[in-house]
Amino acid sequence: MVLLTALLLIPAPLAAAGSLDTGSAPEQLGATGSLAPSGLERAENPDWMGGLPDDIGLSELSLPGTHDTMAARASVFAETQDVDLPIQLRAGVRALDIRTRHFRDVFPIHHGIEYLDTNFTDVVVQLTDFLRDHPTEAVVMRLKEEYTAAENTRSYEDTLDWYIHDNPETGARLREHLWHADGNRFPTLGEARGKIVVIQGFDSEKPFGPRWATAGMDIQDTYELAELRDVDRKWDLVRAQFDRAAAGDPQTFFVNHLSATGNPVALVTGTVPVTVARGVPGTTGILTRAEDHLTANPTGRTGAVMADYPTPELVDELVARNFR
């Protein structure tokens, strides 16, 4: 019964195939929020960083971001996006969450156990194509080791070095566009233009960028909910992090995850990324709450805002805050 309830709460095309068929969504259900597509392709902010001074620090910005950036067209339990990376970048997204499993000496992209039918090479090509066309922009990329390493002959660090130095598809691109880490600090925008700034979510002997969740970062990432009513508790944490970022040290890189999902029991009751983000009857989703809050409080830094299914309104608002 609980599994049936979950599937009734979730769009039928999502429950069946893991992707959203917008042409078949019943109009009356679309009003709940969970069925409506993000519409992110309507946002057009491909060069927004070009209007900012070189000496501003990345930590001083409000950055639209995506949680589990590549998790489009996944199962309902793993999907967090409904548009691909190039659309996200054109919309104005500048903070990414790239999760790589170390498997057979390469990096397939995963969300937990689930392979997302894409690989690190695809990410690098799409990112560097964008940066070549939009050289004023900079992208912050959390690079995380995900799931279980298996069947490797070398370390994660060695495989990343192979992508940078030896892989014919990615080497030249990364050597041109990867920001060279300088200790644990975040660069200025001028230093980072045209570059990918890695935040390390993996172990290594040498630095590739600032390390995740160390000094200089302030992160809100409570992501496991017991039931949909816990969206209220999650929102309290998101709102408090917005307040901390607005008032905090400009040298601290703030990260605020709007994303959350259910614990293993809550998953079967419909507490999955899409329902938390967009809401269901009786529960207002995190996206609507965040949009309303930011509109009512139109100034102040937010840091990197990592969202599932971000809307054009959310991205446009976050971009605009950098110019007020």
Protein backbone atom coordinates (compact mmCIF):
# COMPACT_ATOMS: atom_id res chain seq x y z
CA MET A 1 0.00 0.00 0.00
CA VAL A 2 2.74 2.50 0.86
CA LEU A 3 4.48 1.80 -2.44
CA LEU A 4 1.21 2.37 -4.32
CA THR A 5 0.78 5.65 -2.45
CA ALA A 6 4.26 6.71 -3.48
CA LEU A 7 3.61 5.99 -7.14
CA LEU A 8 0.35 7.92 -7.02
CA LEU A 9 2.17 10.93 -5.61
CA ILE A 10 4.79 10.81 -8.37
CA PRO A 11 4.14 11.59 -12.05
CA ALA A 12 3.29 8.41 -13.93
CA PRO A 13 5.97 8.89 -16.63
CA LEU A 14 8.55 9.41 -13.90
CA ALA A 15 7.50 6.34 -11.99
CA ALA A 16 7.59 4.23 -15.12
CA ALA A 17 10.73 5.44 -16.83
CA GLY A 18 12.58 7.88 -14.60
CA SER A 19 12.04 10.86 -16.91
CA LEU A 20 9.33 13.45 -17.32
CA ASP A 21 7.04 13.24 -20.35
CA THR A 22 5.59 16.73 -20.23
CA GLY A 23 3.20 16.08 -23.08
CA SER A 24 1.23 13.49 -21.15
CA ALA A 25 0.87 15.21 -17.76
CA PRO A 26 -2.78 15.66 -16.72
CA GLU A 27 -3.47 19.37 -16.29
CA GLN A 28 -5.20 19.01 -12.93
CA LEU A 29 -2.23 17.15 -11.42
CA GLY A 30 0.24 19.70 -12.75
CA ALA A 31 -1.08 22.18 -10.23
CA THR A 32 0.46 20.15 -7.41
CA GLY A 33 3.94 21.08 -8.56
CA SER A 34 5.46 17.63 -8.89
CA LEU A 35 4.35 17.16 -12.49
CA ALA A 36 5.43 20.53 -13.79
CA PRO A 37 8.77 20.63 -15.65
CA SER A 38 11.35 23.10 -14.40
CA GLY A 39 11.30 25.16 -17.62
CA LEU A 40 14.96 25.97 -17.03
CA GLU A 41 15.57 26.30 -20.75
CA ARG A 42 13.65 29.60 -20.58
CA ALA A 43 16.44 31.19 -18.51
CA GLU A 44 19.16 32.81 -20.62
CA ASN A 45 22.17 33.98 -18.60
CA PRO A 46 25.15 32.56 -20.53
CA ASP A 47 27.51 35.49 -19.84
CA TRP A 48 26.31 36.96 -16.58
CA MET A 49 29.72 36.94 -14.89
CA GLY A 50 31.03 39.25 -17.59
CA GLY A 51 29.36 42.16 -15.83
CA LEU A 52 31.28 41.63 -12.56
CA PRO A 53 34.75 42.96 -11.62
CA ASP A 54 37.81 40.72 -11.72
CA ASP A 55 38.73 41.35 -8.09
CA ILE A 56 35.52 39.95 -6.59
CA GLY A 57 36.02 36.60 -4.89
CA LEU A 58 34.00 33.57 -5.90
CA SER A 59 33.08 33.26 -2.24
CA GLU A 60 31.38 36.67 -2.45
CA LEU A 61 28.92 35.63 -5.15
CA SER A 62 25.45 34.18 -5.31
CA LEU A 63 25.83 31.12 -7.53
CA PRO A 64 22.95 29.14 -9.00
CA GLY A 65 23.83 25.47 -8.64
CA THR A 66 22.51 21.99 -9.30
CA HIS A 67 22.66 19.04 -6.92
CA ASP A 68 23.63 15.78 -8.65
CA THR A 69 24.03 17.80 -11.81
CA MET A 70 23.99 14.88 -14.27
CA ALA A 71 21.03 13.01 -12.77
CA ALA A 72 18.51 13.70 -15.52
CA ARG A 73 16.53 10.79 -16.98
CA ALA A 74 17.34 8.57 -14.01
CA SER A 75 15.00 6.46 -11.88
CA VAL A 76 12.51 8.33 -9.73
CA PHE A 77 14.68 7.64 -6.69
CA ALA A 78 17.85 9.07 -8.28
CA GLU A 79 16.64 11.76 -10.68
CA THR A 80 17.31 15.33 -9.53
CA GLN A 81 17.31 17.30 -12.81
CA ASP A 82 15.16 17.41 -15.94
CA VAL A 83 17.55 19.25 -18.27
CA ASP A 84 21.07 18.44 -19.41
CA LEU A 85 24.29 20.23 -18.46
CA PRO A 86 24.52 22.55 -21.51
CA ILE A 87 21.02 23.92 -20.79
CA GLN A 88 21.93 24.43 -17.12
CA LEU A 89 25.04 26.38 -18.07
CA ARG A 90 23.23 28.61 -20.57
CA ALA A 91 20.58 29.28 -17.95
CA GLY A 92 23.24 30.64 -15.58
CA VAL A 93 24.12 27.67 -13.36
CA ARG A 94 27.72 28.04 -12.17
CA ALA A 95 28.02 25.54 -9.30
CA LEU A 96 27.98 21.84 -10.22
CA ASP A 97 27.86 18.58 -8.28
CA ILE A 98 29.68 15.89 -10.29
CA ARG A 99 29.77 12.43 -8.74
CA THR A 100 32.22 9.92 -10.15
CA ARG A 101 32.55 6.26 -9.37
CA HIS A 102 36.10 4.93 -9.75
CA PHE A 103 35.54 1.81 -11.84
CA ARG A 104 38.00 0.04 -14.14
CA ASP A 105 40.34 3.05 -14.08
CA VAL A 106 37.75 5.52 -15.42
CA PHE A 107 35.01 7.74 -13.96
CA PRO A 108 31.42 6.78 -14.80
CA ILE A 109 28.93 9.25 -13.31
CA HIS A 110 26.73 7.83 -10.55
CA HIS A 111 24.06 8.86 -8.10
CA GLY A 112 24.70 6.34 -5.38
CA ILE A 113 24.40 2.86 -6.83
CA GLU A 114 22.77 4.10 -10.04
CA TYR A 115 24.88 4.69 -13.15
CA LEU A 116 23.59 7.78 -14.96
CA ASP A 117 24.50 6.70 -18.50
CA THR A 118 27.19 9.35 -18.81
CA ASN A 119 30.89 9.62 -17.98
CA PHE A 120 33.43 12.18 -16.82
CA THR A 121 34.63 12.69 -20.39
CA ASP A 122 31.13 13.87 -21.34
CA VAL A 123 31.15 16.34 -18.46
CA VAL A 124 34.56 17.73 -19.42
CA VAL A 125 33.65 18.13 -23.09
CA GLN A 126 30.36 19.89 -22.36
CA LEU A 127 31.90 22.17 -19.73
CA THR A 128 34.90 23.19 -21.79
CA ASP A 129 32.81 23.73 -24.92
CA PHE A 130 30.75 26.19 -22.88
CA LEU A 131 33.79 27.96 -21.40
CA ARG A 132 35.42 28.32 -24.81
CA ASP A 133 32.28 30.05 -26.07
CA HIS A 134 31.82 32.11 -22.89
CA PRO A 135 35.31 32.99 -21.58
CA THR A 136 34.08 35.50 -18.98
CA GLU A 137 32.44 32.69 -16.99
CA ALA A 138 33.80 30.45 -14.24
CA VAL A 139 32.35 27.17 -12.98
CA VAL A 140 32.75 25.75 -9.48
CA MET A 141 32.61 21.94 -9.60
CA ARG A 142 32.38 19.74 -6.57
CA LEU A 143 34.07 16.55 -7.73
CA LYS A 144 33.00 13.72 -5.46
CA GLU A 145 34.02 10.08 -5.32
CA GLU A 146 30.71 8.20 -5.35
CA TYR A 147 29.62 4.65 -4.55
CA THR A 148 32.15 1.80 -4.40
CA ALA A 149 35.49 1.73 -6.22
CA ALA A 150 36.04 -1.56 -8.06
CA GLU A 151 38.37 -3.28 -10.52
CA ASN A 152 40.98 -0.49 -10.54
CA THR A 153 44.74 -0.75 -11.00
CA ARG A 154 45.48 2.75 -9.68
CA SER A 155 44.28 5.36 -7.23
CA TYR A 156 41.47 7.87 -7.82
CA GLU A 157 44.11 10.61 -7.92
CA ASP A 158 46.08 8.75 -10.59
CA THR A 159 42.98 8.35 -12.73
CA LEU A 160 42.17 12.06 -12.42
CA ASP A 161 45.75 12.84 -13.46
CA TRP A 162 45.25 10.57 -16.46
CA TYR A 163 42.19 12.60 -17.50
CA ILE A 164 44.23 15.80 -17.15
CA HIS A 165 47.47 14.72 -18.78
CA ASP A 166 47.01 11.62 -20.94
CA ASN A 167 43.44 11.10 -22.06
CA PRO A 168 43.27 12.34 -25.68
CA GLU A 169 39.64 13.42 -25.29
CA THR A 170 40.06 15.47 -22.11
CA GLY A 171 43.75 16.24 -21.55
CA ALA A 172 44.13 19.38 -23.63
CA ARG A 173 40.76 20.68 -22.49
CA LEU A 174 41.53 20.26 -18.79
CA ARG A 175 45.04 21.65 -19.07
CA GLU A 176 43.54 24.78 -20.61
CA HIS A 177 40.47 25.16 -18.43
CA LEU A 178 41.27 23.66 -15.03
CA TRP A 179 42.16 26.23 -12.37
CA HIS A 180 45.47 25.36 -10.73
CA ALA A 181 44.84 25.07 -7.02
CA ASP A 182 46.61 27.45 -4.69
CA GLY A 183 46.34 25.81 -1.30
CA ASN A 184 42.83 25.67 0.12
CA ARG A 185 41.64 29.07 -1.05
CA PHE A 186 38.96 30.03 -3.54
CA PRO A 187 40.16 32.28 -6.38
CA THR A 188 38.91 35.66 -7.47
CA LEU A 189 36.64 35.77 -10.48
CA GLY A 190 39.46 37.25 -12.55
CA GLU A 191 41.67 34.26 -11.75
CA ALA A 192 38.86 31.83 -12.49
CA ARG A 193 37.43 33.20 -15.75
CA GLY A 194 37.31 30.49 -18.36
CA LYS A 195 38.19 27.90 -15.72
CA ILE A 196 36.74 25.00 -13.77
CA VAL A 197 37.41 25.40 -10.05
CA VAL A 198 37.36 21.96 -8.44
CA ILE A 199 36.18 21.48 -4.87
CA GLN A 200 37.68 18.18 -3.79
CA GLY A 201 35.34 15.50 -2.52
CA PHE A 202 38.02 12.82 -2.73
CA ASP A 203 41.35 11.97 -1.14
CA SER A 204 44.60 12.92 -2.83
CA GLU A 205 48.17 13.72 -1.90
CA LYS A 206 48.34 16.91 -3.96
CA PRO A 207 45.65 19.58 -4.09
CA PHE A 208 43.29 19.91 -7.04
CA GLY A 209 41.27 22.64 -5.37
CA PRO A 210 39.75 23.59 -2.01
CA ARG A 211 38.66 20.54 -0.04
CA TRP A 212 34.98 19.99 0.66
CA ALA A 213 33.80 20.72 4.21
CA THR A 214 37.09 22.10 5.48
CA ALA A 215 38.06 25.52 6.85
CA GLY A 216 36.79 28.30 4.63
CA MET A 217 33.49 26.58 3.80
CA ASP A 218 30.09 26.69 5.51
CA ILE A 219 27.75 23.96 4.19
CA GLN A 220 24.10 23.11 4.82
CA ASP A 221 23.41 19.65 3.41
CA THR A 222 20.80 17.90 5.54
CA TYR A 223 19.33 15.62 2.89
CA GLU A 224 17.61 12.61 4.50
CA LEU A 225 13.99 13.10 5.53
CA ALA A 226 11.77 10.66 7.42
CA GLU A 227 8.58 11.78 5.63
CA LEU A 228 7.24 14.59 3.45
CA ARG A 229 6.18 16.57 6.52
CA ASP A 230 9.91 16.95 7.23
CA VAL A 231 10.07 19.40 4.32
CA ASP A 232 9.16 22.03 6.94
CA ARG A 233 12.25 21.12 8.96
CA LYS A 234 14.43 21.12 5.85
CA TRP A 235 13.15 24.56 4.90
CA ASP A 236 14.06 25.95 8.33
CA LEU A 237 17.66 24.82 7.72
CA VAL A 238 17.73 26.31 4.21
CA ARG A 239 16.36 29.64 5.41
CA ALA A 240 18.86 29.80 8.28
CA GLN A 241 21.71 29.16 5.84
CA PHE A 242 20.49 31.98 3.60
CA ASP A 243 20.68 34.26 6.65
CA ARG A 244 24.19 33.08 7.56
CA ALA A 245 25.48 33.59 4.03
CA ALA A 246 24.05 37.11 3.83
CA ALA A 247 25.73 38.14 7.09
CA GLY A 248 28.84 35.95 7.00
CA ASP A 249 32.53 36.50 6.30
CA PRO A 250 32.96 37.31 2.59
CA GLN A 251 35.97 34.98 2.48
CA THR A 252 33.85 32.00 3.54
CA PHE A 253 32.36 29.94 0.70
CA PHE A 254 28.77 29.19 1.66
CA VAL A 255 26.86 26.24 0.20
CA ASN A 256 23.12 25.77 0.69
CA HIS A 257 21.51 22.54 -0.50
CA LEU A 258 17.82 22.92 -1.29
CA SER A 259 17.85 19.22 -2.14
CA ALA A 260 16.65 16.37 0.03
CA THR A 261 15.12 12.92 -0.28
CA GLY A 262 13.63 10.26 1.94
CA ASN A 263 15.42 7.75 4.09
CA PRO A 264 14.98 4.13 2.88
CA VAL A 265 11.57 3.83 4.57
CA ALA A 266 10.34 7.25 3.43
CA LEU A 267 11.26 6.58 -0.19
CA VAL A 268 8.33 4.22 -0.60
CA THR A 269 5.89 6.80 0.75
CA GLY A 270 6.76 9.29 -1.96
CA THR A 271 9.52 11.27 -0.24
CA VAL A 272 11.81 11.48 -3.26
CA PRO A 273 13.78 14.38 -4.78
CA VAL A 274 11.02 15.56 -7.11
CA THR A 275 8.31 15.71 -4.42
CA VAL A 276 10.58 17.47 -1.93
CA ALA A 277 11.61 20.03 -4.54
CA ARG A 278 8.25 20.69 -6.17
CA GLY A 279 5.79 19.67 -3.48
CA VAL A 280 2.60 17.60 -3.46
CA PRO A 281 -0.94 18.45 -2.33
CA GLY A 282 -0.67 19.64 1.25
CA THR A 283 3.12 20.17 1.15
CA THR A 284 4.77 23.24 -0.38
CA GLY A 285 8.00 22.30 -2.09
CA ILE A 286 11.41 23.72 -1.25
CA LEU A 287 11.68 25.49 -4.62
CA THR A 288 8.54 27.57 -4.08
CA ARG A 289 9.61 28.46 -0.54
CA ALA A 290 13.09 29.48 -1.72
CA GLU A 291 11.74 31.59 -4.58
CA ASP A 292 9.30 33.37 -2.27
CA HIS A 293 11.96 33.98 0.37
CA LEU A 294 14.51 35.38 -2.08
CA THR A 295 11.94 37.61 -3.75
CA ALA A 296 10.92 39.00 -0.35
CA ASN A 297 14.61 39.50 0.59
CA PRO A 298 16.15 40.67 -2.70
CA THR A 299 19.65 41.56 -1.52
CA GLY A 300 22.45 39.73 0.21
CA ARG A 301 24.85 37.00 -0.84
CA THR A 302 23.56 33.45 -0.88
CA GLY A 303 26.70 31.54 -1.80
CA ALA A 304 26.23 28.43 -3.95
CA VAL A 305 22.60 27.32 -3.94
CA MET A 306 22.41 23.66 -4.95
CA ALA A 307 18.94 22.78 -6.18
CA ASP A 308 17.03 19.85 -7.59
CA TYR A 309 15.00 20.91 -10.65
CA PRO A 310 15.84 24.65 -10.38
CA THR A 311 13.36 26.92 -12.12
CA PRO A 312 14.23 29.88 -14.35
CA GLU A 313 12.78 32.17 -11.69
CA LEU A 314 15.16 30.82 -9.06
CA VAL A 315 18.22 31.04 -11.31
CA ASP A 316 17.35 34.53 -12.56
CA GLU A 317 16.87 35.76 -9.00
CA LEU A 318 20.20 34.35 -7.84
CA VAL A 319 22.03 35.88 -10.80
CA ALA A 320 20.39 39.27 -10.22
CA ARG A 321 21.53 39.42 -6.59
CA ASN A 322 25.14 39.81 -7.76
CA PHE A 323 24.29 43.18 -9.32
CA ARG A 324 22.14 44.79 -6.60
